[in-house]
Amino acid sequence: MVKLAREFLLKKGIEEARLESELLVAHALGLGRLQLFMQHDRPLADEEIARARDLLVRRGKREPTAYLTGKREFYGRPFLVGPGALIPRPETELVVDRAREIARGRAGSGDPLARAADFGTGSGVLAITLALEIEGLDVYAVDASEAALVWARRNVEALCAVATEPGVPAAMPAAASVAAQQARAAPLVELALGDGYALLAERARANGRGFDLVVANPPYVMRDESADLAPEVRDHEPASALFAPEGDPDHHLIRLLDGVATLVAPGGTLLVELGHRQGPRAKPLAAARGLEARIHRDYSGVDRVFEVRRPT
């Protein structure tokens, strides 16, 4: 079955046909990839073949594999994902890597990270991963998309404690949500639906000093670049999470830089994922606002994470 699936996906132009055929067939059979290999010679029921065929046909029409299986791994953990939420990318893990380095440095100086914010959390992968990787860190995660926060809530409830503000869509019955919170006292990820800038500013003022860490992976693709995107991305992932607003790829970066004095606590850090062409413009934008910045490149050598530290 896997061999036939791989050949089918290759004919459809799927680059990682071998991996994706294994993922889709395993999902259709209700197995993990290792189990799939261990049971490769067992006979298949008609309904199993039908499920696999349906998934392969849909993948051949360029539906993303992550949407078909309902999950994608990020930083070694399985996250639920589906239509309405951006699919996590490996390069975004660099934001977590840098946040962990910052956390280690601050812990060593006796000033540990305590409060973080995730602007445009989507399916919640950054907020949840930071909360799980950095001891004692609570994360306030905001997004303007109700559809995305459905996935964020499911992931938070599956992996850590959750608190929500009014308006955040529930992903499971209230009783189950309470049980999840009781089972996991920490870490805490709080979800909020609405204008991210207004929500973060309001919470920063309530904290009295802003957040120790603010992370963001904002949309930065130009509309006229849509033809360059893979059909899986262009035709299926949410446009609001992909395309820069107002025709300006630096829109969110500028707004975040303008908000450093309000959102980021003295000595705190802003980490923003950049598009592959943003790097040369990012440092001058920070310098124009009297801010010192660093850029961290990903494994492909692309300027990927923009770091700004607010002076103490």
C-alpha atoms as a PDB file:
ATOM      1  CA  MET A   1       0.000   0.000   0.000  1.00  0.00           C
ATOM      2  CA  VAL A   2       2.772   2.445   0.936  1.00  0.00           C
ATOM      3  CA  LYS A   3       4.639   1.758  -2.294  1.00  0.00           C
ATOM      4  CA  LEU A   4       1.544   2.441  -4.388  1.00  0.00           C
ATOM      5  CA  ALA A   5       0.834   5.573  -2.366  1.00  0.00           C
ATOM      6  CA  ARG A   6       4.373   6.844  -2.908  1.00  0.00           C
ATOM      7  CA  GLU A   7       4.169   6.239  -6.662  1.00  0.00           C
ATOM      8  CA  PHE A   8       0.837   8.066  -6.816  1.00  0.00           C
ATOM      9  CA  LEU A   9       2.153  11.110  -4.962  1.00  0.00           C
ATOM     10  CA  LEU A  10       5.289  11.195  -7.108  1.00  0.00           C
ATOM     11  CA  LYS A  11       3.114  11.351 -10.228  1.00  0.00           C
ATOM     12  CA  LYS A  12       1.251  14.269  -8.632  1.00  0.00           C
ATOM     13  CA  GLY A  13       4.510  16.167  -8.148  1.00  0.00           C
ATOM     14  CA  ILE A  14       4.705  15.853  -4.354  1.00  0.00           C
ATOM     15  CA  GLU A  15       8.366  16.377  -3.452  1.00  0.00           C
ATOM     16  CA  GLU A  16       8.449  14.407  -0.204  1.00  0.00           C
ATOM     17  CA  ALA A  17       6.317  11.592  -1.575  1.00  0.00           C
ATOM     18  CA  ARG A  18       7.963   8.866   0.488  1.00  0.00           C
ATOM     19  CA  LEU A  19       7.481  10.567   3.851  1.00  0.00           C
ATOM     20  CA  GLU A  20       3.991  11.806   3.077  1.00  0.00           C
ATOM     21  CA  SER A  21       2.793   8.466   1.749  1.00  0.00           C
ATOM     22  CA  GLU A  22       3.869   6.868   5.031  1.00  0.00           C
ATOM     23  CA  LEU A  23       2.190   9.565   7.106  1.00  0.00           C
ATOM     24  CA  LEU A  24      -1.080   9.377   5.192  1.00  0.00           C
ATOM     25  CA  VAL A  25      -1.314   5.589   5.040  1.00  0.00           C
ATOM     26  CA  ALA A  26      -0.427   5.320   8.719  1.00  0.00           C
ATOM     27  CA  HIS A  27      -3.095   7.879   9.567  1.00  0.00           C
ATOM     28  CA  ALA A  28      -5.689   6.041   7.477  1.00  0.00           C
ATOM     29  CA  LEU A  29      -4.911   2.830   9.357  1.00  0.00           C
ATOM     30  CA  GLY A  30      -4.834   4.494  12.774  1.00  0.00           C
ATOM     31  CA  LEU A  31      -1.155   3.647  13.234  1.00  0.00           C
ATOM     32  CA  GLY A  32       2.104   5.457  13.937  1.00  0.00           C
ATOM     33  CA  ARG A  33       4.854   5.283  11.320  1.00  0.00           C
ATOM     34  CA  LEU A  34       6.800   2.674  13.319  1.00  0.00           C
ATOM     35  CA  GLN A  35       3.679   0.543  13.696  1.00  0.00           C
ATOM     36  CA  LEU A  36       3.097   0.870   9.970  1.00  0.00           C
ATOM     37  CA  PHE A  37       6.486  -0.676   9.207  1.00  0.00           C
ATOM     38  CA  MET A  38       5.943  -3.460  11.737  1.00  0.00           C
ATOM     39  CA  GLN A  39       2.586  -4.351  10.167  1.00  0.00           C
ATOM     40  CA  HIS A  40       3.498  -3.824   6.544  1.00  0.00           C
ATOM     41  CA  ASP A  41       2.395  -7.296   5.461  1.00  0.00           C
ATOM     42  CA  ARG A  42      -0.981  -7.460   7.196  1.00  0.00           C
ATOM     43  CA  PRO A  43      -4.081  -7.574   4.967  1.00  0.00           C
ATOM     44  CA  LEU A  44      -6.131  -4.393   4.743  1.00  0.00           C
ATOM     45  CA  ALA A  45      -9.872  -4.110   5.128  1.00  0.00           C
ATOM     46  CA  ASP A  46     -11.871  -2.450   2.370  1.00  0.00           C
ATOM     47  CA  GLU A  47     -12.707   0.543   4.573  1.00  0.00           C
ATOM     48  CA  GLU A  48      -9.005   1.051   5.385  1.00  0.00           C
ATOM     49  CA  ILE A  49      -8.134   1.076   1.707  1.00  0.00           C
ATOM     50  CA  ALA A  50     -10.948   3.533   1.054  1.00  0.00           C
ATOM     51  CA  ARG A  51      -9.735   5.885   3.804  1.00  0.00           C
ATOM     52  CA  ALA A  52      -6.183   5.798   2.476  1.00  0.00           C
ATOM     53  CA  ARG A  53      -7.330   6.351  -1.095  1.00  0.00           C
ATOM     54  CA  ASP A  54      -9.407   9.363  -0.058  1.00  0.00           C
ATOM     55  CA  LEU A  55      -6.476  10.964   1.762  1.00  0.00           C
ATOM     56  CA  LEU A  56      -4.117  10.356  -1.136  1.00  0.00           C
ATOM     57  CA  VAL A  57      -6.541  11.825  -3.668  1.00  0.00           C
ATOM     58  CA  ARG A  58      -6.958  14.923  -1.530  1.00  0.00           C
ATOM     59  CA  ARG A  59      -3.200  15.225  -1.113  1.00  0.00           C
ATOM     60  CA  GLY A  60      -2.821  14.879  -4.853  1.00  0.00           C
ATOM     61  CA  LYS A  61      -5.074  17.938  -5.122  1.00  0.00           C
ATOM     62  CA  ARG A  62      -2.573  19.725  -2.853  1.00  0.00           C
ATOM     63  CA  GLU A  63      -4.383  19.754   0.450  1.00  0.00           C
ATOM     64  CA  PRO A  64      -1.636  20.006   3.093  1.00  0.00           C
ATOM     65  CA  THR A  65      -0.704  16.750   4.760  1.00  0.00           C
ATOM     66  CA  ALA A  66      -0.877  18.425   8.181  1.00  0.00           C
ATOM     67  CA  TYR A  67      -4.519  19.326   7.573  1.00  0.00           C
ATOM     68  CA  LEU A  68      -5.293  15.803   6.374  1.00  0.00           C
ATOM     69  CA  THR A  69      -3.742  14.119   9.404  1.00  0.00           C
ATOM     70  CA  GLY A  70      -4.733  16.899  11.807  1.00  0.00           C
ATOM     71  CA  LYS A  71      -1.295  17.236  13.368  1.00  0.00           C
ATOM     72  CA  ARG A  72       2.222  18.558  12.896  1.00  0.00           C
ATOM     73  CA  GLU A  73       5.272  18.171  15.111  1.00  0.00           C
ATOM     74  CA  PHE A  74       6.914  21.282  16.547  1.00  0.00           C
ATOM     75  CA  TYR A  75       9.927  21.232  18.844  1.00  0.00           C
ATOM     76  CA  GLY A  76       9.490  17.498  19.356  1.00  0.00           C
ATOM     77  CA  ARG A  77       5.828  17.666  20.396  1.00  0.00           C
ATOM     78  CA  PRO A  78       2.666  16.774  18.446  1.00  0.00           C
ATOM     79  CA  PHE A  79       0.369  19.741  17.849  1.00  0.00           C
ATOM     80  CA  LEU A  80      -3.151  19.652  16.483  1.00  0.00           C
ATOM     81  CA  VAL A  81      -3.662  21.768  13.405  1.00  0.00           C
ATOM     82  CA  GLY A  82      -6.295  22.289  10.749  1.00  0.00           C
ATOM     83  CA  PRO A  83      -7.947  24.800   8.415  1.00  0.00           C
ATOM     84  CA  GLY A  84      -7.933  28.271   9.920  1.00  0.00           C
ATOM     85  CA  ALA A  85      -4.498  27.987  11.516  1.00  0.00           C
ATOM     86  CA  LEU A  86      -1.077  28.396   9.953  1.00  0.00           C
ATOM     87  CA  ILE A  87       0.877  25.130   9.780  1.00  0.00           C
ATOM     88  CA  PRO A  88       3.976  25.310  12.021  1.00  0.00           C
ATOM     89  CA  ARG A  89       7.295  25.643  10.181  1.00  0.00           C
ATOM     90  CA  PRO A  90      10.640  24.227  11.351  1.00  0.00           C
ATOM     91  CA  GLU A  91      12.335  27.632  11.061  1.00  0.00           C
ATOM     92  CA  THR A  92      10.020  29.046  13.730  1.00  0.00           C
ATOM     93  CA  GLU A  93      11.738  26.742  16.224  1.00  0.00           C
ATOM     94  CA  LEU A  94      14.663  29.183  16.119  1.00  0.00           C
ATOM     95  CA  VAL A  95      12.504  31.625  18.097  1.00  0.00           C
ATOM     96  CA  VAL A  96      12.256  29.027  20.867  1.00  0.00           C
ATOM     97  CA  ASP A  97      15.979  28.292  20.703  1.00  0.00           C
ATOM     98  CA  ARG A  98      16.830  31.951  21.221  1.00  0.00           C
ATOM     99  CA  ALA A  99      14.209  32.377  23.962  1.00  0.00           C
ATOM    100  CA  ARG A 100      15.711  29.459  25.864  1.00  0.00           C
ATOM    101  CA  GLU A 101      19.177  31.015  25.630  1.00  0.00           C
ATOM    102  CA  ILE A 102      17.811  34.285  26.973  1.00  0.00           C
ATOM    103  CA  ALA A 103      16.035  32.446  29.782  1.00  0.00           C
ATOM    104  CA  ARG A 104      19.227  30.635  30.799  1.00  0.00           C
ATOM    105  CA  GLY A 105      21.135  33.911  30.914  1.00  0.00           C
ATOM    106  CA  ARG A 106      18.512  35.619  33.017  1.00  0.00           C
ATOM    107  CA  ALA A 107      18.163  32.692  35.381  1.00  0.00           C
ATOM    108  CA  GLY A 108      21.905  32.755  35.930  1.00  0.00           C
ATOM    109  CA  SER A 109      21.741  36.435  36.843  1.00  0.00           C
ATOM    110  CA  GLY A 110      18.911  35.895  39.318  1.00  0.00           C
ATOM    111  CA  ASP A 111      16.271  37.574  37.149  1.00  0.00           C
ATOM    112  CA  PRO A 112      14.310  34.692  35.571  1.00  0.00           C
ATOM    113  CA  LEU A 113      11.739  35.122  32.832  1.00  0.00           C
ATOM    114  CA  ALA A 114       8.273  35.158  34.389  1.00  0.00           C
ATOM    115  CA  ARG A 115       5.836  36.737  31.922  1.00  0.00           C
ATOM    116  CA  ALA A 116       5.770  36.321  28.168  1.00  0.00           C
ATOM    117  CA  ALA A 117       3.399  37.285  25.373  1.00  0.00           C
ATOM    118  CA  ASP A 118       2.783  35.683  21.993  1.00  0.00           C
ATOM    119  CA  PHE A 119       1.364  38.051  19.382  1.00  0.00           C
ATOM    120  CA  GLY A 120      -0.659  36.212  16.715  1.00  0.00           C
ATOM    121  CA  THR A 121      -0.421  32.826  18.399  1.00  0.00           C
ATOM    122  CA  GLY A 122      -2.273  30.855  15.700  1.00  0.00           C
ATOM    123  CA  SER A 123      -2.381  27.214  16.776  1.00  0.00           C
ATOM    124  CA  GLY A 124      -0.416  28.142  19.891  1.00  0.00           C
ATOM    125  CA  VAL A 125       2.845  26.368  19.110  1.00  0.00           C
ATOM    126  CA  LEU A 126       5.150  29.182  20.225  1.00  0.00           C
ATOM    127  CA  ALA A 127       3.227  30.044  23.386  1.00  0.00           C
ATOM    128  CA  ILE A 128       2.877  26.433  24.487  1.00  0.00           C
ATOM    129  CA  THR A 129       6.443  25.453  23.660  1.00  0.00           C
ATOM    130  CA  LEU A 130       7.857  28.435  25.533  1.00  0.00           C
ATOM    131  CA  ALA A 131       5.706  27.635  28.557  1.00  0.00           C
ATOM    132  CA  LEU A 132       6.872  24.032  28.543  1.00  0.00           C
ATOM    133  CA  GLU A 133      10.539  24.712  27.808  1.00  0.00           C
ATOM    134  CA  ILE A 134      11.133  27.623  30.214  1.00  0.00           C
ATOM    135  CA  GLU A 135      10.435  26.809  33.837  1.00  0.00           C
ATOM    136  CA  GLY A 136       8.130  29.210  35.657  1.00  0.00           C
ATOM    137  CA  LEU A 137       7.106  31.099  32.524  1.00  0.00           C
ATOM    138  CA  ASP A 138       3.443  32.052  32.044  1.00  0.00           C
ATOM    139  CA  VAL A 139       2.421  33.074  28.536  1.00  0.00           C
ATOM    140  CA  TYR A 140      -0.354  35.412  27.401  1.00  0.00           C
ATOM    141  CA  ALA A 141      -1.236  34.444  23.824  1.00  0.00           C
ATOM    142  CA  VAL A 142      -3.432  36.596  21.584  1.00  0.00           C
ATOM    143  CA  ASP A 143      -4.910  36.277  18.120  1.00  0.00           C
ATOM    144  CA  ALA A 144      -7.577  38.046  16.084  1.00  0.00           C
ATOM    145  CA  SER A 145      -8.733  34.799  14.453  1.00  0.00           C
ATOM    146  CA  GLU A 146     -11.422  32.782  16.204  1.00  0.00           C
ATOM    147  CA  ALA A 147     -10.723  29.826  13.898  1.00  0.00           C
ATOM    148  CA  ALA A 148      -7.041  29.775  14.863  1.00  0.00           C
ATOM    149  CA  LEU A 149      -7.804  29.982  18.571  1.00  0.00           C
ATOM    150  CA  VAL A 150      -9.973  26.860  18.349  1.00  0.00           C
ATOM    151  CA  TRP A 151      -6.768  24.978  17.535  1.00  0.00           C
ATOM    152  CA  ALA A 152      -4.742  26.905  20.102  1.00  0.00           C
ATOM    153  CA  ARG A 153      -7.200  25.989  22.824  1.00  0.00           C
ATOM    154  CA  ARG A 154      -7.142  22.316  21.873  1.00  0.00           C
ATOM    155  CA  ASN A 155      -3.362  22.291  22.011  1.00  0.00           C
ATOM    156  CA  VAL A 156      -3.183  24.161  25.295  1.00  0.00           C
ATOM    157  CA  GLU A 157      -5.681  21.818  26.914  1.00  0.00           C
ATOM    158  CA  ALA A 158      -3.741  18.820  25.647  1.00  0.00           C
ATOM    159  CA  LEU A 159      -0.315  20.007  26.765  1.00  0.00           C
ATOM    160  CA  CYS A 160      -0.600  22.484  29.641  1.00  0.00           C
ATOM    161  CA  ALA A 161      -2.974  24.500  31.809  1.00  0.00           C
ATOM    162  CA  VAL A 162      -5.215  27.052  30.114  1.00  0.00           C
ATOM    163  CA  ALA A 163      -7.030  30.224  31.033  1.00  0.00           C
ATOM    164  CA  THR A 164      -9.153  32.145  28.581  1.00  0.00           C
ATOM    165  CA  GLU A 165     -10.733  35.544  28.352  1.00  0.00           C
ATOM    166  CA  PRO A 166     -14.363  35.976  27.221  1.00  0.00           C
ATOM    167  CA  GLY A 167     -14.872  35.321  23.539  1.00  0.00           C
ATOM    168  CA  VAL A 168     -12.260  32.614  23.125  1.00  0.00           C
ATOM    169  CA  PRO A 169     -13.919  29.631  21.431  1.00  0.00           C
ATOM    170  CA  ALA A 170     -14.067  26.467  23.492  1.00  0.00           C
ATOM    171  CA  ALA A 171     -12.578  23.327  22.011  1.00  0.00           C
ATOM    172  CA  MET A 172     -14.107  20.860  24.463  1.00  0.00           C
ATOM    173  CA  PRO A 173     -16.920  20.790  27.026  1.00  0.00           C
ATOM    174  CA  ALA A 174     -16.439  22.970  30.083  1.00  0.00           C
ATOM    175  CA  ALA A 175     -16.186  19.977  32.430  1.00  0.00           C
ATOM    176  CA  ALA A 176     -13.311  18.544  30.428  1.00  0.00           C
ATOM    177  CA  SER A 177     -11.618  21.941  30.369  1.00  0.00           C
ATOM    178  CA  VAL A 178     -11.840  22.210  34.163  1.00  0.00           C
ATOM    179  CA  ALA A 179     -10.461  18.711  34.540  1.00  0.00           C
ATOM    180  CA  ALA A 180      -7.532  19.583  32.267  1.00  0.00           C
ATOM    181  CA  GLN A 181      -6.740  22.649  34.350  1.00  0.00           C
ATOM    182  CA  GLN A 182      -6.932  20.703  37.599  1.00  0.00           C
ATOM    183  CA  ALA A 183      -4.654  17.990  36.227  1.00  0.00           C
ATOM    184  CA  ARG A 184      -2.008  20.524  35.188  1.00  0.00           C
ATOM    185  CA  ALA A 185      -1.319  23.283  37.668  1.00  0.00           C
ATOM    186  CA  ALA A 186       1.507  24.719  35.532  1.00  0.00           C
ATOM    187  CA  PRO A 187       2.715  25.982  33.172  1.00  0.00           C
ATOM    188  CA  LEU A 188      -0.033  28.391  32.239  1.00  0.00           C
ATOM    189  CA  VAL A 189      -0.945  29.662  28.790  1.00  0.00           C
ATOM    190  CA  GLU A 190      -3.730  32.244  28.695  1.00  0.00           C
ATOM    191  CA  LEU A 191      -5.568  32.772  25.414  1.00  0.00           C
ATOM    192  CA  ALA A 192      -7.309  35.961  24.346  1.00  0.00           C
ATOM    193  CA  LEU A 193      -9.286  36.815  21.207  1.00  0.00           C
ATOM    194  CA  GLY A 194      -9.165  40.291  19.680  1.00  0.00           C
ATOM    195  CA  ASP A 195      -6.859  43.099  18.577  1.00  0.00           C
ATOM    196  CA  GLY A 196      -3.466  41.815  19.630  1.00  0.00           C
ATOM    197  CA  TYR A 197      -1.856  45.203  20.124  1.00  0.00           C
ATOM    198  CA  ALA A 198      -4.660  46.501  22.301  1.00  0.00           C
ATOM    199  CA  LEU A 199      -4.788  43.295  24.350  1.00  0.00           C
ATOM    200  CA  LEU A 200      -1.049  43.197  24.934  1.00  0.00           C
ATOM    201  CA  ALA A 201      -0.891  46.892  25.830  1.00  0.00           C
ATOM    202  CA  GLU A 202      -3.745  46.496  28.292  1.00  0.00           C
ATOM    203  CA  ARG A 203      -2.111  43.483  29.956  1.00  0.00           C
ATOM    204  CA  ALA A 204       1.301  45.161  30.013  1.00  0.00           C
ATOM    205  CA  ARG A 205      -0.157  48.160  31.834  1.00  0.00           C
ATOM    206  CA  ALA A 206      -1.931  45.827  34.248  1.00  0.00           C
ATOM    207  CA  ASN A 207       1.359  44.059  34.964  1.00  0.00           C
ATOM    208  CA  GLY A 208       2.892  47.414  35.754  1.00  0.00           C
ATOM    209  CA  ARG A 209       6.092  46.807  33.781  1.00  0.00           C
ATOM    210  CA  GLY A 210       5.326  44.942  30.586  1.00  0.00           C
ATOM    211  CA  PHE A 211       6.410  41.452  29.543  1.00  0.00           C
ATOM    212  CA  ASP A 212       9.853  39.947  30.059  1.00  0.00           C
ATOM    213  CA  LEU A 213       9.573  38.380  26.606  1.00  0.00           C
ATOM    214  CA  VAL A 214       7.380  39.146  23.590  1.00  0.00           C
ATOM    215  CA  VAL A 215       7.430  36.810  20.584  1.00  0.00           C
ATOM    216  CA  ALA A 216       5.696  37.148  17.234  1.00  0.00           C
ATOM    217  CA  ASN A 217       5.521  35.368  13.910  1.00  0.00           C
ATOM    218  CA  PRO A 218       3.453  37.923  12.001  1.00  0.00           C
ATOM    219  CA  PRO A 219       2.334  37.742   8.362  1.00  0.00           C
ATOM    220  CA  TYR A 220       4.955  39.233   6.056  1.00  0.00           C
ATOM    221  CA  VAL A 221       4.273  37.865   2.553  1.00  0.00           C
ATOM    222  CA  MET A 222       3.273  40.403  -0.110  1.00  0.00           C
ATOM    223  CA  ARG A 223       0.122  39.709  -2.103  1.00  0.00           C
ATOM    224  CA  ASP A 224       2.047  39.968  -5.364  1.00  0.00           C
ATOM    225  CA  GLU A 225       4.246  37.097  -4.149  1.00  0.00           C
ATOM    226  CA  SER A 226       1.313  34.694  -3.910  1.00  0.00           C
ATOM    227  CA  ALA A 227       2.143  33.099  -7.255  1.00  0.00           C
ATOM    228  CA  ASP A 228       5.490  32.029  -5.786  1.00  0.00           C
ATOM    229  CA  LEU A 229       3.858  30.131  -2.951  1.00  0.00           C
ATOM    230  CA  ALA A 230       3.181  26.410  -3.093  1.00  0.00           C
ATOM    231  CA  PRO A 231      -0.503  25.669  -3.782  1.00  0.00           C
ATOM    232  CA  GLU A 232      -0.710  23.922  -0.394  1.00  0.00           C
ATOM    233  CA  VAL A 233       0.088  27.262   1.218  1.00  0.00           C
ATOM    234  CA  ARG A 234      -1.608  29.699  -1.151  1.00  0.00           C
ATOM    235  CA  ASP A 235      -4.882  27.832  -1.535  1.00  0.00           C
ATOM    236  CA  HIS A 236      -5.371  26.336   1.916  1.00  0.00           C
ATOM    237  CA  GLU A 237      -3.642  28.210   4.728  1.00  0.00           C
ATOM    238  CA  PRO A 238      -5.347  31.329   6.141  1.00  0.00           C
ATOM    239  CA  ALA A 239      -4.557  34.460   4.143  1.00  0.00           C
ATOM    240  CA  SER A 240      -4.666  36.615   7.263  1.00  0.00           C
ATOM    241  CA  ALA A 241      -1.737  34.640   8.702  1.00  0.00           C
ATOM    242  CA  LEU A 242       0.266  34.783   5.475  1.00  0.00           C
ATOM    243  CA  PHE A 243      -0.122  38.145   3.787  1.00  0.00           C
ATOM    244  CA  ALA A 244       1.114  41.433   5.201  1.00  0.00           C
ATOM    245  CA  PRO A 245      -1.642  43.981   5.845  1.00  0.00           C
ATOM    246  CA  GLU A 246      -1.816  47.270   3.956  1.00  0.00           C
ATOM    247  CA  GLY A 247       0.665  46.015   1.381  1.00  0.00           C
ATOM    248  CA  ASP A 248       3.561  46.530   3.795  1.00  0.00           C
ATOM    249  CA  PRO A 249       5.668  43.478   4.751  1.00  0.00           C
ATOM    250  CA  ASP A 250       7.110  45.476   7.669  1.00  0.00           C
ATOM    251  CA  HIS A 251       3.717  46.559   9.038  1.00  0.00           C
ATOM    252  CA  HIS A 252       3.718  44.358  12.128  1.00  0.00           C
ATOM    253  CA  LEU A 253       7.445  44.691  12.734  1.00  0.00           C
ATOM    254  CA  ILE A 254       7.107  48.477  12.822  1.00  0.00           C
ATOM    255  CA  ARG A 255       4.119  48.352  15.157  1.00  0.00           C
ATOM    256  CA  LEU A 256       5.917  45.979  17.501  1.00  0.00           C
ATOM    257  CA  LEU A 257       9.011  48.175  17.526  1.00  0.00           C
ATOM    258  CA  ASP A 258       6.856  51.231  18.220  1.00  0.00           C
ATOM    259  CA  GLY A 259       5.319  49.335  21.122  1.00  0.00           C
ATOM    260  CA  VAL A 260       8.530  48.188  22.803  1.00  0.00           C
ATOM    261  CA  ALA A 261       8.374  50.863  25.512  1.00  0.00           C
ATOM    262  CA  THR A 262       4.845  49.757  26.413  1.00  0.00           C
ATOM    263  CA  LEU A 263       4.923  46.013  25.844  1.00  0.00           C
ATOM    264  CA  VAL A 264       8.437  45.009  26.881  1.00  0.00           C
ATOM    265  CA  ALA A 265       9.640  45.331  30.462  1.00  0.00           C
ATOM    266  CA  PRO A 266      12.983  47.059  31.105  1.00  0.00           C
ATOM    267  CA  GLY A 267      15.664  44.504  30.307  1.00  0.00           C
ATOM    268  CA  GLY A 268      13.122  42.415  28.401  1.00  0.00           C
ATOM    269  CA  THR A 269      13.319  41.104  24.854  1.00  0.00           C
ATOM    270  CA  LEU A 270      11.264  41.208  21.666  1.00  0.00           C
ATOM    271  CA  LEU A 271      11.745  38.292  19.225  1.00  0.00           C
ATOM    272  CA  VAL A 272      10.117  38.544  15.787  1.00  0.00           C
ATOM    273  CA  GLU A 273      10.299  36.008  12.983  1.00  0.00           C
ATOM    274  CA  LEU A 274      11.287  37.666   9.705  1.00  0.00           C
ATOM    275  CA  GLY A 275      10.475  36.942   6.095  1.00  0.00           C
ATOM    276  CA  HIS A 276      13.395  35.969   3.877  1.00  0.00           C
ATOM    277  CA  ARG A 277      13.736  39.512   2.488  1.00  0.00           C
ATOM    278  CA  GLN A 278      13.122  41.496   5.664  1.00  0.00           C
ATOM    279  CA  GLY A 279      16.517  41.273   7.315  1.00  0.00           C
ATOM    280  CA  PRO A 280      18.239  44.226   5.575  1.00  0.00           C
ATOM    281  CA  ARG A 281      15.369  46.551   6.538  1.00  0.00           C
ATOM    282  CA  ALA A 282      14.907  45.391  10.122  1.00  0.00           C
ATOM    283  CA  LYS A 283      17.977  46.852  11.844  1.00  0.00           C
ATOM    284  CA  PRO A 284      17.516  50.362  10.395  1.00  0.00           C
ATOM    285  CA  LEU A 285      13.901  50.313  11.582  1.00  0.00           C
ATOM    286  CA  ALA A 286      15.100  49.557  15.106  1.00  0.00           C
ATOM    287  CA  ALA A 287      17.937  52.090  14.958  1.00  0.00           C
ATOM    288  CA  ALA A 288      15.511  54.828  13.891  1.00  0.00           C
ATOM    289  CA  ARG A 289      13.700  54.226  17.169  1.00  0.00           C
ATOM    290  CA  GLY A 290      16.837  54.225  19.279  1.00  0.00           C
ATOM    291  CA  LEU A 291      16.788  50.452  19.772  1.00  0.00           C
ATOM    292  CA  GLU A 292      19.678  48.025  19.500  1.00  0.00           C
ATOM    293  CA  ALA A 293      18.941  44.863  17.574  1.00  0.00           C
ATOM    294  CA  ARG A 294      20.446  41.555  16.518  1.00  0.00           C
ATOM    295  CA  ILE A 295      19.509  39.176  13.718  1.00  0.00           C
ATOM    296  CA  HIS A 296      19.814  35.403  13.987  1.00  0.00           C
ATOM    297  CA  ARG A 297      20.034  33.331  10.824  1.00  0.00           C
ATOM    298  CA  ASP A 298      18.324  29.994  10.321  1.00  0.00           C
ATOM    299  CA  TYR A 299      20.022  26.816   9.138  1.00  0.00           C
ATOM    300  CA  SER A 300      19.632  27.944   5.526  1.00  0.00           C
ATOM    301  CA  GLY A 301      21.516  31.168   6.227  1.00  0.00           C
ATOM    302  CA  VAL A 302      18.376  33.307   6.003  1.00  0.00           C
ATOM    303  CA  ASP A 303      17.878  36.253   8.380  1.00  0.00           C
ATOM    304  CA  ARG A 304      15.119  34.718  10.460  1.00  0.00           C
ATOM    305  CA  VAL A 305      14.785  35.998  14.039  1.00  0.00           C
ATOM    306  CA  PHE A 306      14.974  39.673  14.927  1.00  0.00           C
ATOM    307  CA  GLU A 307      15.919  40.388  18.531  1.00  0.00           C
ATOM    308  CA  VAL A 308      15.485  43.699  20.325  1.00  0.00           C
ATOM    309  CA  ARG A 309      16.323  44.204  23.979  1.00  0.00           C
ATOM    310  CA  ARG A 310      14.757  47.059  25.861  1.00  0.00           C
ATOM    311  CA  PRO A 311      17.384  48.865  27.959  1.00  0.00           C
ATOM    312  CA  THR A 312      17.057  48.567  31.733  1.00  0.00           C
END
